[in-house]
N, C-alpha and C. Protein backbone atom coordinates (compact mmCIF):
# COMPACT_ATOMS: atom_id res chain seq x y z
N MET A 1 -7.54 26.53 -14.50
CA MET A 1 -8.56 25.53 -14.81
C MET A 1 -9.08 24.94 -13.49
N ALA A 2 -10.40 24.94 -13.35
CA ALA A 2 -10.99 24.44 -12.13
C ALA A 2 -10.83 22.92 -12.05
N LEU A 3 -10.57 22.46 -10.83
CA LEU A 3 -10.43 21.02 -10.62
C LEU A 3 -11.79 20.36 -10.67
N SER A 4 -11.85 19.16 -11.25
CA SER A 4 -13.10 18.42 -11.28
C SER A 4 -13.41 17.88 -9.89
N ALA A 5 -14.68 17.54 -9.69
CA ALA A 5 -15.08 17.00 -8.39
C ALA A 5 -14.33 15.71 -8.08
N GLY A 6 -14.09 14.89 -9.13
CA GLY A 6 -13.35 13.64 -8.93
C GLY A 6 -11.93 13.89 -8.45
N ALA A 7 -11.25 14.90 -9.04
CA ALA A 7 -9.89 15.21 -8.64
C ALA A 7 -9.84 15.73 -7.21
N VAL A 8 -10.84 16.51 -6.82
CA VAL A 8 -10.90 17.03 -5.45
C VAL A 8 -11.06 15.90 -4.46
N TRP A 9 -11.95 14.96 -4.76
CA TRP A 9 -12.17 13.82 -3.86
C TRP A 9 -10.92 12.95 -3.75
N LYS A 10 -10.23 12.76 -4.87
CA LYS A 10 -8.99 11.98 -4.85
C LYS A 10 -7.94 12.66 -3.99
N ALA A 11 -7.84 13.99 -4.13
CA ALA A 11 -6.86 14.74 -3.33
C ALA A 11 -7.21 14.66 -1.85
N LEU A 12 -8.50 14.79 -1.53
CA LEU A 12 -8.92 14.69 -0.13
C LEU A 12 -8.67 13.29 0.42
N PHE A 13 -8.85 12.27 -0.42
CA PHE A 13 -8.60 10.90 0.00
C PHE A 13 -7.13 10.70 0.34
N VAL A 14 -6.24 11.20 -0.53
CA VAL A 14 -4.80 11.08 -0.27
C VAL A 14 -4.41 11.84 0.99
N LEU A 15 -4.94 13.06 1.15
CA LEU A 15 -4.64 13.85 2.34
C LEU A 15 -5.16 13.16 3.61
N GLY A 16 -6.33 12.51 3.49
CA GLY A 16 -6.88 11.79 4.63
C GLY A 16 -6.00 10.62 5.04
N ILE A 17 -5.45 9.90 4.06
CA ILE A 17 -4.56 8.77 4.37
C ILE A 17 -3.29 9.28 5.05
N ILE A 18 -2.73 10.37 4.53
CA ILE A 18 -1.52 10.94 5.12
C ILE A 18 -1.78 11.39 6.56
N ALA A 19 -2.92 12.08 6.76
CA ALA A 19 -3.27 12.55 8.10
C ALA A 19 -3.46 11.37 9.06
N TYR A 20 -4.04 10.29 8.56
CA TYR A 20 -4.25 9.12 9.42
C TYR A 20 -2.92 8.48 9.80
N GLN A 21 -1.98 8.41 8.87
CA GLN A 21 -0.67 7.83 9.19
C GLN A 21 0.03 8.65 10.27
N VAL A 22 -0.09 9.98 10.18
CA VAL A 22 0.50 10.84 11.21
C VAL A 22 -0.22 10.63 12.55
N LEU A 23 -1.53 10.47 12.50
CA LEU A 23 -2.30 10.22 13.71
C LEU A 23 -1.85 8.92 14.39
N VAL A 24 -1.63 7.88 13.60
CA VAL A 24 -1.17 6.61 14.16
C VAL A 24 0.20 6.77 14.80
N HIS A 25 1.09 7.51 14.13
CA HIS A 25 2.43 7.74 14.70
C HIS A 25 2.33 8.46 16.05
N LEU A 26 1.47 9.45 16.12
CA LEU A 26 1.29 10.17 17.39
C LEU A 26 0.70 9.25 18.45
N ALA A 27 -0.22 8.39 18.05
CA ALA A 27 -0.84 7.46 19.00
C ALA A 27 0.17 6.50 19.58
N LEU A 28 1.15 6.11 18.78
CA LEU A 28 2.16 5.16 19.24
C LEU A 28 3.25 5.81 20.07
N THR A 29 3.52 7.08 19.84
CA THR A 29 4.69 7.71 20.45
C THR A 29 4.38 8.69 21.56
N MET A 30 3.15 9.20 21.61
CA MET A 30 2.81 10.19 22.64
C MET A 30 2.48 9.50 23.95
N SER A 31 2.86 10.14 25.05
CA SER A 31 2.41 9.67 26.36
C SER A 31 1.00 10.22 26.60
N ASN A 32 0.21 9.47 27.34
CA ASN A 32 -1.19 9.86 27.61
C ASN A 32 -1.95 10.12 26.31
N ALA A 33 -1.79 9.18 25.37
CA ALA A 33 -2.43 9.35 24.06
C ALA A 33 -3.69 8.51 23.94
N GLY A 34 -4.39 8.31 25.06
CA GLY A 34 -5.60 7.49 25.03
C GLY A 34 -6.61 7.89 23.98
N PRO A 35 -7.06 9.16 23.96
CA PRO A 35 -8.05 9.57 22.94
C PRO A 35 -7.54 9.42 21.52
N VAL A 36 -6.26 9.72 21.30
CA VAL A 36 -5.70 9.60 19.96
C VAL A 36 -5.67 8.14 19.53
N ARG A 37 -5.32 7.26 20.46
CA ARG A 37 -5.30 5.83 20.13
C ARG A 37 -6.69 5.31 19.81
N ILE A 38 -7.67 5.74 20.58
CA ILE A 38 -9.04 5.31 20.31
C ILE A 38 -9.49 5.80 18.93
N ALA A 39 -9.16 7.05 18.62
CA ALA A 39 -9.54 7.60 17.32
C ALA A 39 -8.86 6.86 16.18
N SER A 40 -7.58 6.51 16.37
CA SER A 40 -6.84 5.82 15.31
C SER A 40 -7.38 4.42 15.07
N LEU A 41 -8.00 3.82 16.08
CA LEU A 41 -8.60 2.51 15.92
C LEU A 41 -10.01 2.59 15.36
N VAL A 42 -10.78 3.57 15.82
CA VAL A 42 -12.19 3.65 15.48
C VAL A 42 -12.41 4.21 14.06
N LEU A 43 -11.64 5.22 13.67
CA LEU A 43 -11.87 5.89 12.39
C LEU A 43 -11.85 4.95 11.19
N PRO A 44 -10.83 4.10 11.03
CA PRO A 44 -10.87 3.20 9.86
C PRO A 44 -12.01 2.20 9.91
N MET A 45 -12.37 1.74 11.12
CA MET A 45 -13.49 0.81 11.25
C MET A 45 -14.80 1.49 10.83
N VAL A 46 -15.00 2.72 11.25
CA VAL A 46 -16.21 3.46 10.90
C VAL A 46 -16.25 3.72 9.39
N ALA A 47 -15.10 4.12 8.82
CA ALA A 47 -15.05 4.41 7.39
C ALA A 47 -15.35 3.15 6.57
N LEU A 48 -14.74 2.04 6.96
CA LEU A 48 -14.97 0.80 6.23
C LEU A 48 -16.41 0.33 6.40
N GLY A 49 -16.94 0.45 7.62
CA GLY A 49 -18.33 0.06 7.85
C GLY A 49 -19.31 0.89 7.03
N GLY A 50 -19.05 2.20 6.93
CA GLY A 50 -19.91 3.06 6.12
C GLY A 50 -19.85 2.71 4.65
N TRP A 51 -18.62 2.40 4.16
CA TRP A 51 -18.47 2.00 2.75
C TRP A 51 -19.22 0.71 2.47
N ILE A 52 -19.17 -0.23 3.41
CA ILE A 52 -19.86 -1.51 3.24
C ILE A 52 -21.37 -1.30 3.18
N LEU A 53 -21.90 -0.49 4.07
CA LEU A 53 -23.34 -0.25 4.10
C LEU A 53 -23.82 0.41 2.81
N LEU A 54 -22.97 1.23 2.20
CA LEU A 54 -23.37 1.94 0.99
C LEU A 54 -23.16 1.13 -0.29
N ARG A 55 -22.13 0.28 -0.33
CA ARG A 55 -21.72 -0.34 -1.58
C ARG A 55 -21.96 -1.85 -1.65
N SER A 56 -21.78 -2.55 -0.56
CA SER A 56 -21.76 -4.01 -0.64
C SER A 56 -23.16 -4.59 -0.75
N SER A 57 -23.27 -5.68 -1.52
CA SER A 57 -24.54 -6.41 -1.63
C SER A 57 -24.61 -7.54 -0.60
N HIS A 58 -23.52 -7.75 0.15
CA HIS A 58 -23.48 -8.78 1.20
C HIS A 58 -23.17 -8.10 2.53
N ARG A 59 -24.02 -7.18 2.91
CA ARG A 59 -23.75 -6.35 4.08
C ARG A 59 -23.57 -7.16 5.35
N LEU A 60 -24.45 -8.13 5.57
CA LEU A 60 -24.40 -8.88 6.83
C LEU A 60 -23.08 -9.65 6.95
N LEU A 61 -22.68 -10.30 5.87
CA LEU A 61 -21.42 -11.07 5.89
C LEU A 61 -20.24 -10.16 6.17
N TRP A 62 -20.17 -9.04 5.47
CA TRP A 62 -19.03 -8.15 5.66
C TRP A 62 -19.04 -7.48 7.03
N LEU A 63 -20.22 -7.17 7.53
CA LEU A 63 -20.28 -6.58 8.87
C LEU A 63 -19.86 -7.59 9.94
N LEU A 64 -20.17 -8.86 9.72
CA LEU A 64 -19.68 -9.90 10.64
C LEU A 64 -18.15 -9.99 10.59
N ILE A 65 -17.60 -9.92 9.38
CA ILE A 65 -16.15 -9.94 9.23
C ILE A 65 -15.53 -8.71 9.89
N LEU A 66 -16.15 -7.56 9.68
CA LEU A 66 -15.63 -6.33 10.27
C LEU A 66 -15.71 -6.37 11.80
N THR A 67 -16.81 -6.92 12.32
CA THR A 67 -16.93 -7.03 13.78
C THR A 67 -15.87 -7.96 14.35
N SER A 68 -15.61 -9.06 13.65
CA SER A 68 -14.56 -9.99 14.10
C SER A 68 -13.19 -9.30 14.07
N ALA A 69 -12.94 -8.54 12.99
CA ALA A 69 -11.66 -7.84 12.89
C ALA A 69 -11.52 -6.79 13.99
N ALA A 70 -12.62 -6.09 14.31
CA ALA A 70 -12.59 -5.09 15.37
C ALA A 70 -12.32 -5.74 16.72
N SER A 71 -12.92 -6.89 16.96
CA SER A 71 -12.70 -7.61 18.21
C SER A 71 -11.25 -8.06 18.33
N ALA A 72 -10.72 -8.61 17.23
CA ALA A 72 -9.33 -9.06 17.24
C ALA A 72 -8.39 -7.88 17.46
N THR A 73 -8.71 -6.74 16.85
CA THR A 73 -7.89 -5.54 17.04
C THR A 73 -7.89 -5.09 18.49
N PHE A 74 -9.07 -5.12 19.12
CA PHE A 74 -9.18 -4.71 20.52
C PHE A 74 -8.36 -5.63 21.42
N LEU A 75 -8.46 -6.94 21.19
CA LEU A 75 -7.73 -7.90 22.01
C LEU A 75 -6.22 -7.75 21.81
N LEU A 76 -5.82 -7.52 20.55
CA LEU A 76 -4.40 -7.37 20.26
C LEU A 76 -3.85 -6.10 20.89
N ALA A 77 -4.63 -5.03 20.84
CA ALA A 77 -4.17 -3.76 21.39
C ALA A 77 -4.03 -3.79 22.90
N HIS A 78 -4.82 -4.64 23.55
CA HIS A 78 -4.80 -4.69 25.02
C HIS A 78 -4.10 -5.94 25.55
N GLY A 79 -3.46 -6.67 24.64
CA GLY A 79 -2.77 -7.87 25.08
C GLY A 79 -1.38 -7.56 25.61
N GLU A 80 -0.71 -8.60 26.06
CA GLU A 80 0.64 -8.44 26.56
C GLU A 80 1.63 -8.38 25.40
N GLY A 81 2.85 -7.96 25.68
CA GLY A 81 3.87 -7.90 24.64
C GLY A 81 3.82 -6.59 23.88
N LEU A 82 3.79 -6.65 22.56
CA LEU A 82 3.82 -5.44 21.76
C LEU A 82 2.54 -4.64 21.88
N GLY A 83 1.43 -5.33 22.13
CA GLY A 83 0.17 -4.63 22.36
C GLY A 83 -0.24 -3.74 21.22
N PHE A 84 -0.40 -2.43 21.52
CA PHE A 84 -0.95 -1.49 20.55
C PHE A 84 -0.08 -1.39 19.30
N ALA A 85 1.24 -1.49 19.45
CA ALA A 85 2.12 -1.39 18.29
C ALA A 85 1.83 -2.50 17.28
N ALA A 86 1.47 -3.69 17.77
CA ALA A 86 1.21 -4.82 16.88
C ALA A 86 0.00 -4.59 16.00
N VAL A 87 -0.94 -3.76 16.47
CA VAL A 87 -2.14 -3.48 15.67
C VAL A 87 -1.75 -2.86 14.33
N TYR A 88 -0.69 -2.09 14.30
CA TYR A 88 -0.26 -1.43 13.07
C TYR A 88 0.91 -2.14 12.42
N GLY A 89 1.69 -2.87 13.20
CA GLY A 89 2.79 -3.62 12.61
C GLY A 89 2.30 -4.79 11.77
N VAL A 90 1.26 -5.48 12.22
CA VAL A 90 0.74 -6.64 11.49
C VAL A 90 0.17 -6.23 10.12
N PRO A 91 -0.68 -5.21 10.01
CA PRO A 91 -1.17 -4.82 8.68
C PRO A 91 -0.05 -4.37 7.74
N HIS A 92 0.93 -3.66 8.27
CA HIS A 92 2.06 -3.21 7.44
C HIS A 92 2.80 -4.42 6.88
N ALA A 93 3.10 -5.38 7.74
CA ALA A 93 3.81 -6.58 7.29
C ALA A 93 2.95 -7.39 6.32
N ALA A 94 1.66 -7.52 6.61
CA ALA A 94 0.78 -8.29 5.75
C ALA A 94 0.68 -7.66 4.35
N ALA A 95 0.58 -6.33 4.30
CA ALA A 95 0.47 -5.64 3.01
C ALA A 95 1.72 -5.86 2.16
N TYR A 96 2.90 -5.75 2.77
CA TYR A 96 4.13 -5.91 2.00
C TYR A 96 4.42 -7.37 1.66
N LEU A 97 4.01 -8.28 2.51
CA LEU A 97 4.13 -9.70 2.17
C LEU A 97 3.24 -10.03 0.97
N PHE A 98 2.03 -9.47 0.97
CA PHE A 98 1.13 -9.71 -0.16
C PHE A 98 1.70 -9.14 -1.45
N MET A 99 2.23 -7.91 -1.39
CA MET A 99 2.79 -7.30 -2.60
C MET A 99 4.02 -8.06 -3.07
N LEU A 100 4.84 -8.54 -2.13
CA LEU A 100 6.00 -9.33 -2.51
C LEU A 100 5.58 -10.61 -3.22
N TRP A 101 4.54 -11.25 -2.71
CA TRP A 101 4.01 -12.45 -3.37
C TRP A 101 3.40 -12.11 -4.72
N LEU A 102 2.64 -11.03 -4.79
CA LEU A 102 1.94 -10.65 -6.03
C LEU A 102 2.93 -10.38 -7.16
N PHE A 103 3.99 -9.64 -6.86
CA PHE A 103 4.99 -9.33 -7.88
C PHE A 103 5.90 -10.53 -8.12
N GLY A 104 6.33 -11.17 -7.02
CA GLY A 104 7.32 -12.24 -7.15
C GLY A 104 6.82 -13.44 -7.92
N ARG A 105 5.55 -13.78 -7.78
CA ARG A 105 5.04 -14.99 -8.45
C ARG A 105 5.02 -14.83 -9.97
N THR A 106 5.07 -13.58 -10.46
CA THR A 106 5.08 -13.37 -11.91
C THR A 106 6.49 -13.44 -12.49
N LEU A 107 7.49 -13.64 -11.64
CA LEU A 107 8.87 -13.72 -12.11
C LEU A 107 9.35 -15.16 -12.30
N VAL A 108 8.50 -16.13 -11.98
CA VAL A 108 8.88 -17.52 -12.16
C VAL A 108 8.86 -17.86 -13.65
N HIS A 109 9.52 -18.95 -14.00
CA HIS A 109 9.60 -19.35 -15.42
C HIS A 109 8.21 -19.59 -16.01
N GLY A 110 7.98 -19.02 -17.18
CA GLY A 110 6.71 -19.21 -17.87
C GLY A 110 5.68 -18.15 -17.58
N GLU A 111 5.96 -17.24 -16.63
CA GLU A 111 5.03 -16.17 -16.29
C GLU A 111 5.53 -14.85 -16.86
N GLU A 112 4.60 -13.95 -17.16
CA GLU A 112 4.97 -12.62 -17.61
C GLU A 112 5.10 -11.71 -16.40
N PRO A 113 6.23 -11.00 -16.23
CA PRO A 113 6.38 -10.10 -15.09
C PRO A 113 5.23 -9.10 -15.00
N LEU A 114 4.82 -8.82 -13.79
CA LEU A 114 3.63 -7.99 -13.58
C LEU A 114 3.76 -6.63 -14.25
N ILE A 115 4.89 -5.97 -14.09
CA ILE A 115 5.04 -4.63 -14.66
C ILE A 115 5.10 -4.68 -16.18
N THR A 116 5.62 -5.77 -16.74
CA THR A 116 5.57 -5.95 -18.20
C THR A 116 4.12 -6.01 -18.67
N ARG A 117 3.31 -6.77 -17.95
CA ARG A 117 1.90 -6.90 -18.32
C ARG A 117 1.18 -5.56 -18.20
N LEU A 118 1.46 -4.83 -17.14
CA LEU A 118 0.81 -3.52 -16.97
C LEU A 118 1.25 -2.56 -18.06
N SER A 119 2.52 -2.61 -18.44
CA SER A 119 3.02 -1.72 -19.50
C SER A 119 2.36 -2.03 -20.83
N ARG A 120 2.10 -3.30 -21.11
CA ARG A 120 1.40 -3.66 -22.35
C ARG A 120 -0.02 -3.09 -22.35
N GLN A 121 -0.66 -3.08 -21.20
CA GLN A 121 -2.02 -2.55 -21.13
C GLN A 121 -2.05 -1.06 -21.44
N VAL A 122 -0.98 -0.35 -21.06
CA VAL A 122 -0.94 1.09 -21.27
C VAL A 122 -0.41 1.44 -22.66
N ARG A 123 0.66 0.75 -23.12
CA ARG A 123 1.36 1.13 -24.36
C ARG A 123 1.23 0.13 -25.50
N GLY A 124 0.59 -1.00 -25.27
CA GLY A 124 0.50 -2.00 -26.32
C GLY A 124 1.78 -2.82 -26.40
N ALA A 125 2.16 -3.22 -27.61
CA ALA A 125 3.36 -4.03 -27.80
C ALA A 125 4.60 -3.27 -27.33
N LEU A 126 5.51 -4.01 -26.68
CA LEU A 126 6.72 -3.40 -26.15
C LEU A 126 7.94 -3.87 -26.92
N PRO A 127 8.91 -2.98 -27.15
CA PRO A 127 10.17 -3.42 -27.75
C PRO A 127 10.93 -4.30 -26.76
N ALA A 128 11.89 -5.05 -27.26
CA ALA A 128 12.61 -6.02 -26.42
C ALA A 128 13.31 -5.34 -25.24
N TYR A 129 13.88 -4.14 -25.46
CA TYR A 129 14.61 -3.49 -24.37
C TYR A 129 13.66 -3.06 -23.24
N MET A 130 12.40 -2.73 -23.58
CA MET A 130 11.44 -2.36 -22.53
C MET A 130 10.92 -3.60 -21.81
N GLU A 131 10.83 -4.72 -22.52
CA GLU A 131 10.46 -5.96 -21.85
C GLU A 131 11.52 -6.32 -20.80
N ALA A 132 12.79 -6.17 -21.18
CA ALA A 132 13.87 -6.46 -20.25
C ALA A 132 13.84 -5.49 -19.06
N TYR A 133 13.58 -4.20 -19.35
CA TYR A 133 13.56 -3.22 -18.27
C TYR A 133 12.40 -3.47 -17.31
N THR A 134 11.23 -3.76 -17.85
CA THR A 134 10.08 -3.97 -16.97
C THR A 134 10.24 -5.23 -16.12
N ARG A 135 10.97 -6.23 -16.65
CA ARG A 135 11.29 -7.40 -15.82
C ARG A 135 12.21 -6.99 -14.68
N ARG A 136 13.24 -6.20 -14.98
CA ARG A 136 14.15 -5.74 -13.93
C ARG A 136 13.41 -4.88 -12.92
N LEU A 137 12.47 -4.08 -13.41
CA LEU A 137 11.72 -3.21 -12.50
C LEU A 137 10.83 -4.02 -11.57
N THR A 138 10.26 -5.10 -12.09
CA THR A 138 9.48 -6.00 -11.23
C THR A 138 10.36 -6.58 -10.12
N TRP A 139 11.58 -6.97 -10.48
CA TRP A 139 12.54 -7.43 -9.48
C TRP A 139 12.85 -6.33 -8.47
N ALA A 140 13.02 -5.10 -8.95
CA ALA A 140 13.34 -3.98 -8.06
C ALA A 140 12.25 -3.75 -7.03
N TRP A 141 10.99 -3.86 -7.46
CA TRP A 141 9.88 -3.70 -6.52
C TRP A 141 9.88 -4.84 -5.50
N CYS A 142 10.20 -6.04 -5.93
CA CYS A 142 10.28 -7.16 -4.98
C CYS A 142 11.35 -6.90 -3.93
N VAL A 143 12.50 -6.38 -4.36
CA VAL A 143 13.57 -6.03 -3.42
C VAL A 143 13.09 -4.95 -2.46
N PHE A 144 12.36 -3.97 -2.98
CA PHE A 144 11.83 -2.89 -2.14
C PHE A 144 10.88 -3.44 -1.08
N PHE A 145 9.96 -4.32 -1.48
CA PHE A 145 9.01 -4.89 -0.52
C PHE A 145 9.75 -5.70 0.55
N ALA A 146 10.73 -6.50 0.13
CA ALA A 146 11.50 -7.29 1.08
C ALA A 146 12.30 -6.39 2.02
N ALA A 147 12.85 -5.29 1.50
CA ALA A 147 13.61 -4.35 2.33
C ALA A 147 12.70 -3.68 3.35
N GLN A 148 11.48 -3.36 2.96
CA GLN A 148 10.52 -2.78 3.90
C GLN A 148 10.26 -3.73 5.06
N LEU A 149 10.04 -5.00 4.75
CA LEU A 149 9.78 -5.99 5.78
C LEU A 149 10.99 -6.17 6.69
N ALA A 150 12.18 -6.27 6.10
CA ALA A 150 13.39 -6.46 6.89
C ALA A 150 13.68 -5.26 7.78
N ALA A 151 13.55 -4.05 7.22
CA ALA A 151 13.82 -2.84 8.00
C ALA A 151 12.83 -2.69 9.15
N SER A 152 11.56 -2.99 8.89
CA SER A 152 10.55 -2.92 9.95
C SER A 152 10.87 -3.89 11.08
N ALA A 153 11.23 -5.13 10.72
CA ALA A 153 11.54 -6.13 11.73
C ALA A 153 12.77 -5.75 12.54
N LEU A 154 13.80 -5.24 11.87
CA LEU A 154 15.03 -4.87 12.56
C LEU A 154 14.82 -3.67 13.49
N LEU A 155 14.06 -2.68 13.00
CA LEU A 155 13.79 -1.51 13.84
C LEU A 155 12.94 -1.87 15.05
N LEU A 156 11.98 -2.77 14.86
CA LEU A 156 11.13 -3.19 15.97
C LEU A 156 11.93 -3.98 17.00
N LYS A 157 12.89 -4.78 16.53
CA LYS A 157 13.69 -5.62 17.42
C LYS A 157 14.77 -4.83 18.14
N PHE A 158 15.47 -3.96 17.40
CA PHE A 158 16.67 -3.32 17.96
C PHE A 158 16.52 -1.81 18.17
N GLY A 159 15.51 -1.19 17.56
CA GLY A 159 15.35 0.24 17.70
C GLY A 159 14.24 0.60 18.69
N SER A 160 13.93 1.86 18.73
CA SER A 160 12.85 2.34 19.61
C SER A 160 11.52 2.25 18.88
N VAL A 161 10.43 2.23 19.65
CA VAL A 161 9.09 2.24 19.05
C VAL A 161 8.88 3.50 18.22
N GLU A 162 9.46 4.61 18.69
CA GLU A 162 9.30 5.87 17.96
C GLU A 162 9.92 5.80 16.57
N THR A 163 11.16 5.23 16.49
CA THR A 163 11.83 5.12 15.20
C THR A 163 11.10 4.13 14.29
N TRP A 164 10.67 3.02 14.87
CA TRP A 164 9.93 2.02 14.09
C TRP A 164 8.63 2.60 13.55
N SER A 165 7.90 3.33 14.39
CA SER A 165 6.63 3.93 13.96
C SER A 165 6.86 4.99 12.89
N LEU A 166 7.93 5.76 13.03
CA LEU A 166 8.25 6.76 12.01
C LEU A 166 8.46 6.09 10.66
N PHE A 167 9.11 4.92 10.67
CA PHE A 167 9.39 4.22 9.42
C PHE A 167 8.13 3.65 8.79
N ILE A 168 7.30 2.92 9.56
CA ILE A 168 6.16 2.23 8.96
C ILE A 168 4.96 3.14 8.74
N ASN A 169 4.91 4.26 9.44
CA ASN A 169 3.76 5.15 9.29
C ASN A 169 4.08 6.41 8.49
N VAL A 170 4.97 7.24 9.02
CA VAL A 170 5.23 8.54 8.38
C VAL A 170 6.00 8.38 7.07
N LEU A 171 7.00 7.49 7.04
CA LEU A 171 7.85 7.36 5.86
C LEU A 171 7.34 6.33 4.85
N ASN A 172 6.29 5.61 5.19
CA ASN A 172 5.82 4.51 4.34
C ASN A 172 5.47 4.98 2.93
N PHE A 173 4.52 5.88 2.80
CA PHE A 173 4.08 6.34 1.49
C PHE A 173 5.12 7.20 0.77
N PRO A 174 5.88 8.08 1.48
CA PRO A 174 6.95 8.80 0.77
C PRO A 174 7.98 7.88 0.13
N LEU A 175 8.31 6.76 0.79
CA LEU A 175 9.27 5.83 0.20
C LEU A 175 8.69 5.15 -1.04
N VAL A 176 7.41 4.81 -0.99
CA VAL A 176 6.77 4.25 -2.19
C VAL A 176 6.76 5.29 -3.31
N GLY A 177 6.46 6.54 -2.94
CA GLY A 177 6.47 7.61 -3.94
C GLY A 177 7.84 7.81 -4.56
N LEU A 178 8.91 7.66 -3.76
CA LEU A 178 10.26 7.79 -4.29
C LEU A 178 10.58 6.68 -5.28
N MET A 179 10.06 5.48 -5.02
CA MET A 179 10.25 4.38 -5.97
C MET A 179 9.61 4.71 -7.32
N PHE A 180 8.38 5.20 -7.29
CA PHE A 180 7.70 5.60 -8.53
C PHE A 180 8.47 6.73 -9.23
N LEU A 181 8.89 7.72 -8.44
CA LEU A 181 9.58 8.87 -9.02
C LEU A 181 10.93 8.46 -9.61
N GLY A 182 11.67 7.60 -8.89
CA GLY A 182 12.95 7.13 -9.41
C GLY A 182 12.80 6.38 -10.71
N ASP A 183 11.77 5.53 -10.78
CA ASP A 183 11.51 4.79 -12.02
C ASP A 183 11.18 5.75 -13.16
N TYR A 184 10.34 6.73 -12.89
CA TYR A 184 9.92 7.68 -13.93
C TYR A 184 11.11 8.49 -14.45
N LEU A 185 11.93 9.02 -13.52
CA LEU A 185 13.07 9.84 -13.94
C LEU A 185 14.09 9.00 -14.72
N TYR A 186 14.30 7.76 -14.30
CA TYR A 186 15.23 6.89 -15.01
C TYR A 186 14.75 6.63 -16.44
N ARG A 187 13.45 6.37 -16.59
CA ARG A 187 12.91 6.11 -17.92
C ARG A 187 12.99 7.33 -18.81
N VAL A 188 12.75 8.51 -18.21
CA VAL A 188 12.82 9.74 -19.00
C VAL A 188 14.23 9.96 -19.54
N VAL A 189 15.24 9.65 -18.72
CA VAL A 189 16.63 9.86 -19.14
C VAL A 189 17.13 8.72 -20.02
N ARG A 190 16.84 7.47 -19.62
CA ARG A 190 17.42 6.31 -20.31
C ARG A 190 16.65 5.93 -21.57
N TYR A 191 15.32 6.06 -21.51
CA TYR A 191 14.49 5.63 -22.63
C TYR A 191 13.62 6.79 -23.11
N ARG A 192 14.25 7.89 -23.38
CA ARG A 192 13.50 9.11 -23.74
C ARG A 192 12.72 8.95 -25.04
N GLU A 193 13.18 8.02 -25.92
CA GLU A 193 12.47 7.82 -27.20
C GLU A 193 11.19 7.03 -27.03
N PHE A 194 11.02 6.40 -25.86
CA PHE A 194 9.82 5.58 -25.63
C PHE A 194 8.79 6.43 -24.90
N PRO A 195 7.50 6.41 -25.34
CA PRO A 195 6.46 7.20 -24.66
C PRO A 195 6.38 6.83 -23.18
N GLN A 196 6.44 7.85 -22.33
CA GLN A 196 6.47 7.60 -20.89
C GLN A 196 5.07 7.60 -20.30
N SER A 197 4.86 6.70 -19.33
CA SER A 197 3.58 6.63 -18.62
C SER A 197 3.71 7.37 -17.29
N SER A 198 2.65 8.05 -16.91
CA SER A 198 2.66 8.75 -15.62
C SER A 198 2.38 7.76 -14.49
N ILE A 199 2.61 8.23 -13.26
CA ILE A 199 2.31 7.41 -12.09
C ILE A 199 0.82 7.08 -12.05
N ALA A 200 -0.02 8.07 -12.40
CA ALA A 200 -1.47 7.85 -12.39
C ALA A 200 -1.86 6.75 -13.37
N GLU A 201 -1.24 6.74 -14.56
CA GLU A 201 -1.53 5.70 -15.54
C GLU A 201 -1.11 4.33 -15.04
N ALA A 202 0.02 4.27 -14.33
CA ALA A 202 0.48 3.00 -13.78
C ALA A 202 -0.49 2.47 -12.74
N VAL A 203 -0.98 3.36 -11.86
CA VAL A 203 -1.94 2.96 -10.83
C VAL A 203 -3.24 2.50 -11.47
N GLN A 204 -3.72 3.22 -12.49
CA GLN A 204 -4.95 2.84 -13.18
C GLN A 204 -4.80 1.49 -13.88
N ALA A 205 -3.63 1.25 -14.48
CA ALA A 205 -3.40 -0.03 -15.15
C ALA A 205 -3.40 -1.17 -14.14
N TYR A 206 -2.81 -0.93 -12.96
CA TYR A 206 -2.80 -1.96 -11.92
C TYR A 206 -4.21 -2.26 -11.45
N ALA A 207 -5.02 -1.22 -11.22
CA ALA A 207 -6.39 -1.43 -10.77
C ALA A 207 -7.20 -2.19 -11.82
N LYS A 208 -7.01 -1.83 -13.08
CA LYS A 208 -7.72 -2.53 -14.17
C LYS A 208 -7.29 -3.98 -14.25
N ASP A 209 -5.99 -4.24 -14.05
CA ASP A 209 -5.47 -5.60 -14.10
C ASP A 209 -6.05 -6.44 -12.98
N ARG A 210 -6.17 -5.86 -11.80
CA ARG A 210 -6.72 -6.60 -10.65
C ARG A 210 -8.18 -6.93 -10.88
N LEU A 211 -8.93 -5.96 -11.43
CA LEU A 211 -10.37 -6.17 -11.63
C LEU A 211 -10.65 -7.18 -12.74
N SER A 212 -9.74 -7.26 -13.72
CA SER A 212 -9.98 -8.16 -14.85
C SER A 212 -9.35 -9.53 -14.65
N SER A 213 -8.63 -9.75 -13.56
CA SER A 213 -7.98 -11.04 -13.33
C SER A 213 -9.02 -12.10 -12.99
N PRO A 214 -8.77 -13.36 -13.30
CA PRO A 214 -9.72 -14.43 -12.97
C PRO A 214 -10.00 -14.52 -11.49
N ARG A 215 -8.97 -14.27 -10.66
CA ARG A 215 -9.19 -14.36 -9.21
C ARG A 215 -10.14 -13.28 -8.72
N ALA A 216 -10.04 -12.07 -9.35
CA ALA A 216 -10.94 -10.98 -8.95
C ALA A 216 -12.38 -11.31 -9.28
N ARG A 217 -12.57 -11.97 -10.45
CA ARG A 217 -13.94 -12.33 -10.83
C ARG A 217 -14.47 -13.51 -10.03
């Protein structure tokens, strides 16, 4: 069966992200990696700028924001201390801090755990045992996000730049993929009587939830 154009673009997008992560790792670890470092900084800025010009209705505002971000990136990369490594360490930490907050805030009393809410969007009403499991799974993701932050900080402090870069760049997405895969395999074995959702359905439910949230609007 021939792949649809949408599936091909999605596959190319995923491959592009993986290739970029490897490029960043090489930029951080190779000696005389000037051109690679420049490419790793310029490519995402160009891609984001092109997307803004094509999609955004507030082009001037976003281009000003992008220019400010590019300037801050340049100053950070050429500053003293961690320098170029900080350009990639800060976004990694910021992303996981945001995800830890996003998942963790739904675990407080009176809130519905995020993964429980996403599961309802995909499967409708949930039995009590799945409500309990999805709450535990939300906790598990919070632990994963916190572990990512702690491991990154410890490797940066006590390990080599090469090992730290390998962790936050090359191993970043495979570790996330293992979390999804572990959850899926556990559900297949433990809750085989309950209809299972694929990873793609989980990602689509999350995107729909973000777009329909009051904050998104």
